[in-house]
Every structure is written in structure tokens, then in C-alpha cells.
Amino acid sequence: MRRILVIDDDDRIRELLAEYLGGRGFEVVTAADGDAGLEVLRGGGLDMAVLDVMMPGKDGLAVLRELRAFSTLPVIMLTARGDDMDRIVGLELGADDYLGKPFNPRELVARIEAVLRRSGQAAASEVVHRAGPLMVDEDRRVVENDGEPVELTTTEFEILRVLVANAGRVIPRDRLMELARGQEYASFDRSVDVHVSHIRRKLGDDPREPTFVKTVRGVGYTVPRAPR
């Protein structure tokens, strides 16, 4: 399992990336500031770092400068959207790529995979999630229920992928769409209940007593580890 360090002072972003990247087959370690991040970096055992530029105290550029004194670890910088100077300085200091905030976590995963391929650390196996009879294959974009294919829209697929990848955990309603499609998309598409209803129908779930996608009243949704 590839191990990624996320350094960001924003609790919400650290939690989002830990959940999202964890659901995509990565082991995620987080740090809330530059000094804590450097301590983890010096310990080694990482495949990549995702590093925020704008942090109080030791910012991301200072962390990258110190990191490059002892390591060539691949780094993706998170910068304020449109802040070209941070991007340019980061690349000059040795960043491998950058992504502007706010960002779609799917794009971050794509950039992570691209950088890992360039550094020879790409995963050799596909990412498949299972929960009872449900199977979600990320690479082939296939969902099966008891071996039978289930046709879902892009948004429905991403919502079910998040739930199955986190089987047994309750995902809050206000986080589910963000984990599935990204912060920008979630800001204008808040119809998660409608999407879940469509997923249940396509899985053949009983809307009165669903087996696959269960509602935790007042919190969100969950897929049990072993439905049925």
C-alpha cells in the first residue's frame, strides 16, 4: 500500500483527504503544520507528500526547501487558485506538481498517480472495493451486485464507491457528495438524497427497509460490511 503524507493546517481538508485517499487504496498520514510534517518526512517510509503552501508558522515552501536538502520524495503542492507566484516558486524548489484550491479530490488522485508513474512507484494492481455482494471496480468503473452489473451515472457511481470503500462507517450527508465529486461540485449539487434513492432502486433495494445503503437518521448513510 502506497503511503502518502498530507500536510495542511485545515482540519477539514486533512479529514477529507484521509477518507478519500484511504478509499482509493492509499495509506494516509496527516500533519497539521510544517514542523510536524517535517518530523514525519525525516522518518521516511513515504511514497509522496501533499503539501499546502499557505500555513501559519513554517509554510509549505519552507517545508519543501528543507525537504529537498535530504530527500527527493515526490511532492504535490496545494496552492491558492490563481496564485502563480507560489506555483512557480514551488516548482523551482523541486515540487513535482501543484493543484489549486478548492480542488476536486478525483483530480488530486489523478495527479498523484501521474507523479507516482513518473517516479516509478505506480500501483501494479487495480482498486476493487467489496461489501457483501457489492463490488465496485474503480479502474473499470464497474459495479456488480451478486455478480450482476449495475448501471449507474457518474455521480451515483462515485457516491456508492465512497460508501463501499468505507463499508461499516457512517458518512455524513454533507460530506458524502464532497467525497464523491469534490468541493466545487458539492457546493451546487446538494441532492445527495435523490442520488441515494436512485442507487437503491438500481440495486433493487427496498426503499422502506434498505439492505445495501442504510440511512442513519440525523447523520448520513452507510453500507454495512456484509449486507444481507
Protein backbone atom coordinates (compact mmCIF):
# COMPACT_ATOMS: atom_id res chain seq x y z
CA MET A 1 0.00 0.00 0.00
CA ARG A 2 1.39 3.39 -1.01
CA ARG A 3 1.86 5.79 1.91
CA ILE A 4 1.08 9.48 1.49
CA LEU A 5 1.65 12.33 3.92
CA VAL A 6 -0.85 15.22 3.84
CA ILE A 7 0.41 18.43 5.47
CA ASP A 8 -2.32 21.05 5.84
CA ASP A 9 -3.45 23.25 8.72
CA ASP A 10 -7.12 22.89 7.67
CA ASP A 11 -8.68 20.08 9.74
CA ARG A 12 -11.46 19.63 7.22
CA ILE A 13 -9.11 19.12 4.28
CA ARG A 14 -6.95 16.65 6.22
CA GLU A 15 -10.02 14.62 7.16
CA LEU A 16 -11.41 14.78 3.63
CA LEU A 17 -8.18 13.58 2.04
CA ALA A 18 -7.64 10.89 4.67
CA GLU A 19 -11.08 9.48 3.87
CA TYR A 20 -10.91 9.96 0.11
CA LEU A 21 -7.36 8.74 -0.47
CA GLY A 22 -7.85 5.95 2.05
CA GLY A 23 -10.80 4.79 0.00
CA ARG A 24 -8.63 4.75 -3.13
CA GLY A 25 -6.09 2.31 -1.73
CA PHE A 26 -3.59 4.69 -0.10
CA GLU A 27 -2.37 4.70 3.47
CA VAL A 28 -2.66 8.30 4.63
CA VAL A 29 -0.66 10.06 7.35
CA THR A 30 -1.51 13.66 8.24
CA ALA A 31 0.26 16.60 9.88
CA ALA A 32 -1.30 19.92 10.91
CA ASP A 33 1.75 22.17 10.48
CA GLY A 34 5.13 22.38 8.81
CA ASP A 35 7.24 21.30 11.78
CA ALA A 36 5.11 18.22 12.43
CA GLY A 37 5.21 17.41 8.75
CA LEU A 38 9.00 17.63 8.60
CA GLU A 39 9.26 15.29 11.57
CA VAL A 40 7.23 12.69 9.67
CA LEU A 41 9.20 13.34 6.47
CA ARG A 42 12.51 12.75 8.23
CA GLY A 43 11.18 9.42 9.49
CA GLY A 44 10.94 8.16 5.90
CA GLY A 45 8.71 5.32 4.73
CA LEU A 46 6.61 7.58 2.47
CA ASP A 47 5.81 7.42 -1.24
CA MET A 48 4.62 11.02 -1.62
CA ALA A 49 3.71 14.21 0.23
CA VAL A 50 0.76 16.51 -0.46
CA LEU A 51 1.81 19.88 0.92
CA ASP A 52 -0.25 23.03 1.43
CA VAL A 53 1.57 26.28 0.71
CA MET A 54 -0.44 28.60 2.98
CA MET A 55 0.17 27.53 6.59
CA PRO A 56 0.92 29.63 9.69
CA GLY A 57 4.42 29.36 11.03
CA LYS A 58 6.54 27.28 8.68
CA ASP A 59 4.71 27.43 5.35
CA GLY A 60 4.75 24.84 2.60
CA LEU A 61 7.56 26.46 0.63
CA ALA A 62 9.81 26.45 3.70
CA VAL A 63 8.95 22.79 4.32
CA LEU A 64 9.73 21.91 0.71
CA ARG A 65 13.04 23.77 0.86
CA GLU A 66 14.10 21.80 3.96
CA LEU A 67 12.82 18.53 2.49
CA ARG A 68 14.86 18.91 -0.67
CA ALA A 69 18.01 19.17 1.44
CA PHE A 70 17.68 15.49 2.39
CA SER A 71 15.08 13.84 0.13
CA THR A 72 13.80 13.59 -3.43
CA LEU A 73 10.37 12.40 -2.25
CA PRO A 74 7.65 13.33 -4.80
CA VAL A 75 5.62 16.35 -3.66
CA ILE A 76 2.36 17.86 -4.88
CA MET A 77 1.73 21.40 -3.66
CA LEU A 78 -1.74 22.78 -2.84
CA THR A 79 -1.88 26.48 -3.67
CA ALA A 80 -4.47 29.24 -3.64
CA ARG A 81 -6.15 29.13 -7.05
CA GLY A 82 -4.61 31.67 -9.39
CA ASP A 83 -1.56 32.29 -7.20
CA ASP A 84 1.04 31.84 -9.93
CA MET A 85 3.98 33.01 -7.81
CA ASP A 86 3.53 30.21 -5.24
CA ARG A 87 3.27 27.72 -8.08
CA ILE A 88 6.39 28.99 -9.80
CA VAL A 89 8.46 29.12 -6.61
CA GLY A 90 7.25 25.68 -5.61
CA LEU A 91 8.29 24.19 -8.94
CA GLU A 92 11.65 25.95 -8.73
CA LEU A 93 12.21 24.44 -5.28
CA GLY A 94 11.52 20.96 -6.61
CA ALA A 95 7.77 20.33 -6.35
CA ASP A 96 6.61 17.66 -8.81
CA ASP A 97 3.16 19.14 -9.43
CA TYR A 98 0.66 21.59 -7.99
CA LEU A 99 -3.10 21.88 -7.61
CA GLY A 100 -5.12 24.99 -6.86
CA LYS A 101 -7.65 25.21 -4.02
CA PRO A 102 -10.52 24.47 -3.97
CA PHE A 103 -9.91 21.23 -5.83
CA ASN A 104 -11.69 18.06 -6.88
CA PRO A 105 -10.17 15.11 -4.98
CA ARG A 106 -10.53 12.99 -8.12
CA GLU A 107 -8.14 15.36 -9.87
CA LEU A 108 -5.72 15.11 -6.96
CA VAL A 109 -5.76 11.31 -7.21
CA ALA A 110 -5.11 11.54 -10.96
CA ARG A 111 -2.15 13.85 -10.34
CA ILE A 112 -0.82 11.59 -7.57
CA GLU A 113 -0.99 8.58 -9.88
CA ALA A 114 0.73 10.52 -12.68
CA VAL A 115 3.58 11.64 -10.41
CA LEU A 116 3.99 8.13 -8.99
CA ARG A 117 4.14 6.72 -12.52
CA ARG A 118 6.85 9.18 -13.43
CA SER A 119 8.80 8.24 -10.30
CA GLY A 120 8.30 4.51 -10.92
CA GLN A 121 6.05 3.97 -7.90
CA ALA A 122 2.68 3.40 -9.59
CA ALA A 123 0.47 0.66 -8.22
CA ALA A 124 0.52 -2.62 -10.10
CA SER A 125 -2.97 -3.70 -9.14
CA GLU A 126 -6.45 -2.34 -9.66
CA VAL A 127 -8.54 -0.91 -6.83
CA VAL A 128 -11.63 -3.00 -6.08
CA HIS A 129 -13.93 -2.44 -3.09
CA ARG A 130 -16.33 -5.09 -1.74
CA ALA A 131 -19.11 -5.16 0.83
CA GLY A 132 -21.09 -8.39 0.87
CA PRO A 133 -22.45 -8.97 -2.65
CA LEU A 134 -21.49 -5.46 -3.79
CA MET A 135 -18.33 -4.94 -5.85
CA VAL A 136 -17.03 -1.58 -7.06
CA ASP A 137 -14.11 -1.64 -9.52
CA GLU A 138 -12.63 1.85 -9.75
CA ASP A 139 -10.39 1.31 -12.77
CA ARG A 140 -13.04 -0.34 -14.94
CA ARG A 141 -15.83 1.85 -13.48
CA VAL A 142 -17.91 -1.26 -12.90
CA VAL A 143 -20.44 -2.04 -10.17
CA GLU A 144 -21.79 -5.53 -9.59
CA ASN A 145 -24.43 -6.85 -7.22
CA ASP A 146 -24.09 -10.62 -6.75
CA GLY A 147 -22.10 -10.71 -9.98
CA GLU A 148 -24.76 -8.83 -11.96
CA PRO A 149 -23.71 -5.48 -13.49
CA VAL A 150 -25.44 -2.35 -12.21
CA GLU A 151 -25.63 0.70 -14.49
CA LEU A 152 -25.04 3.93 -12.57
CA THR A 153 -24.47 7.55 -13.56
CA THR A 154 -21.09 9.09 -12.79
CA THR A 155 -22.34 10.74 -9.61
CA GLU A 156 -24.15 7.60 -8.46
CA PHE A 157 -21.02 5.54 -9.07
CA GLU A 158 -18.85 7.92 -7.03
CA ILE A 159 -21.33 8.02 -4.13
CA LEU A 160 -21.55 4.22 -3.99
CA ARG A 161 -17.76 3.94 -4.33
CA VAL A 162 -17.27 6.18 -1.28
CA LEU A 163 -19.80 4.20 0.75
CA VAL A 164 -18.47 0.75 -0.20
CA ALA A 165 -14.84 1.83 0.26
CA ASN A 166 -15.82 2.94 3.77
CA ALA A 167 -18.14 -0.01 4.47
CA GLY A 168 -19.21 -0.11 8.10
CA ARG A 169 -18.61 3.63 8.58
CA VAL A 170 -21.31 6.31 8.57
CA ILE A 171 -20.58 9.10 6.08
CA PRO A 172 -22.34 12.38 6.96
CA ARG A 173 -24.72 13.65 4.30
CA ASP A 174 -22.87 16.96 3.96
CA ARG A 175 -19.59 15.13 3.40
CA LEU A 176 -20.77 12.38 1.08
CA MET A 177 -21.14 14.48 -2.06
CA GLU A 178 -17.88 16.29 -1.35
CA LEU A 179 -16.01 12.98 -1.01
CA ALA A 180 -17.70 11.66 -4.14
CA ARG A 181 -17.37 14.59 -6.54
CA GLY A 182 -15.23 17.26 -4.89
CA GLN A 183 -15.77 20.51 -3.05
CA GLU A 184 -16.68 22.60 -6.09
CA TYR A 185 -19.30 20.14 -7.32
CA ALA A 186 -20.77 19.64 -3.85
CA SER A 187 -21.25 23.38 -3.44
CA PHE A 188 -24.03 23.43 -6.04
CA ASP A 189 -25.27 19.82 -6.08
CA ARG A 190 -26.86 19.10 -2.71
CA SER A 191 -29.28 16.46 -3.98
CA VAL A 192 -27.49 13.57 -2.29
CA ASP A 193 -30.79 12.07 -1.06
CA VAL A 194 -32.07 11.88 -4.63
CA HIS A 195 -28.89 10.20 -5.85
CA VAL A 196 -29.03 7.67 -2.99
CA SER A 197 -32.66 6.94 -3.85
CA HIS A 198 -31.66 6.19 -7.45
CA ILE A 199 -28.80 3.96 -6.30
CA ARG A 200 -31.14 1.97 -4.06
CA ARG A 201 -33.61 1.49 -6.89
CA LYS A 202 -30.89 0.28 -9.26
CA LEU A 203 -29.56 -2.14 -6.63
CA GLY A 204 -33.05 -3.49 -6.09
CA ASP A 205 -33.11 -2.19 -2.52
CA ASP A 206 -36.38 -1.92 -0.57
CA PRO A 207 -36.85 1.85 -0.03
CA ARG A 208 -38.74 1.19 3.22
CA GLU A 209 -36.09 -1.11 4.71
CA PRO A 210 -32.96 -0.79 2.57
CA THR A 211 -30.37 -3.55 2.78
CA PHE A 212 -27.46 -2.02 0.92
CA VAL A 213 -27.46 1.74 1.54
CA LYS A 214 -28.81 2.41 5.01
CA THR A 215 -29.82 5.76 6.47
CA VAL A 216 -28.53 6.74 9.89
CA ARG A 217 -31.15 9.26 10.90
CA GLY A 218 -29.80 12.73 11.52
CA VAL A 219 -26.29 11.76 10.42
CA GLY A 220 -25.90 10.26 6.95
CA TYR A 221 -25.55 6.99 5.07
CA THR A 222 -23.65 3.73 5.42
CA VAL A 223 -23.14 0.47 3.57
CA PRO A 224 -22.77 -2.45 6.00
CA ARG A 225 -19.62 -4.54 5.63
CA ALA A 226 -21.73 -7.57 4.75
CA PRO A 227 -25.23 -6.58 3.52
CA ARG A 228 -27.87 -9.32 3.70
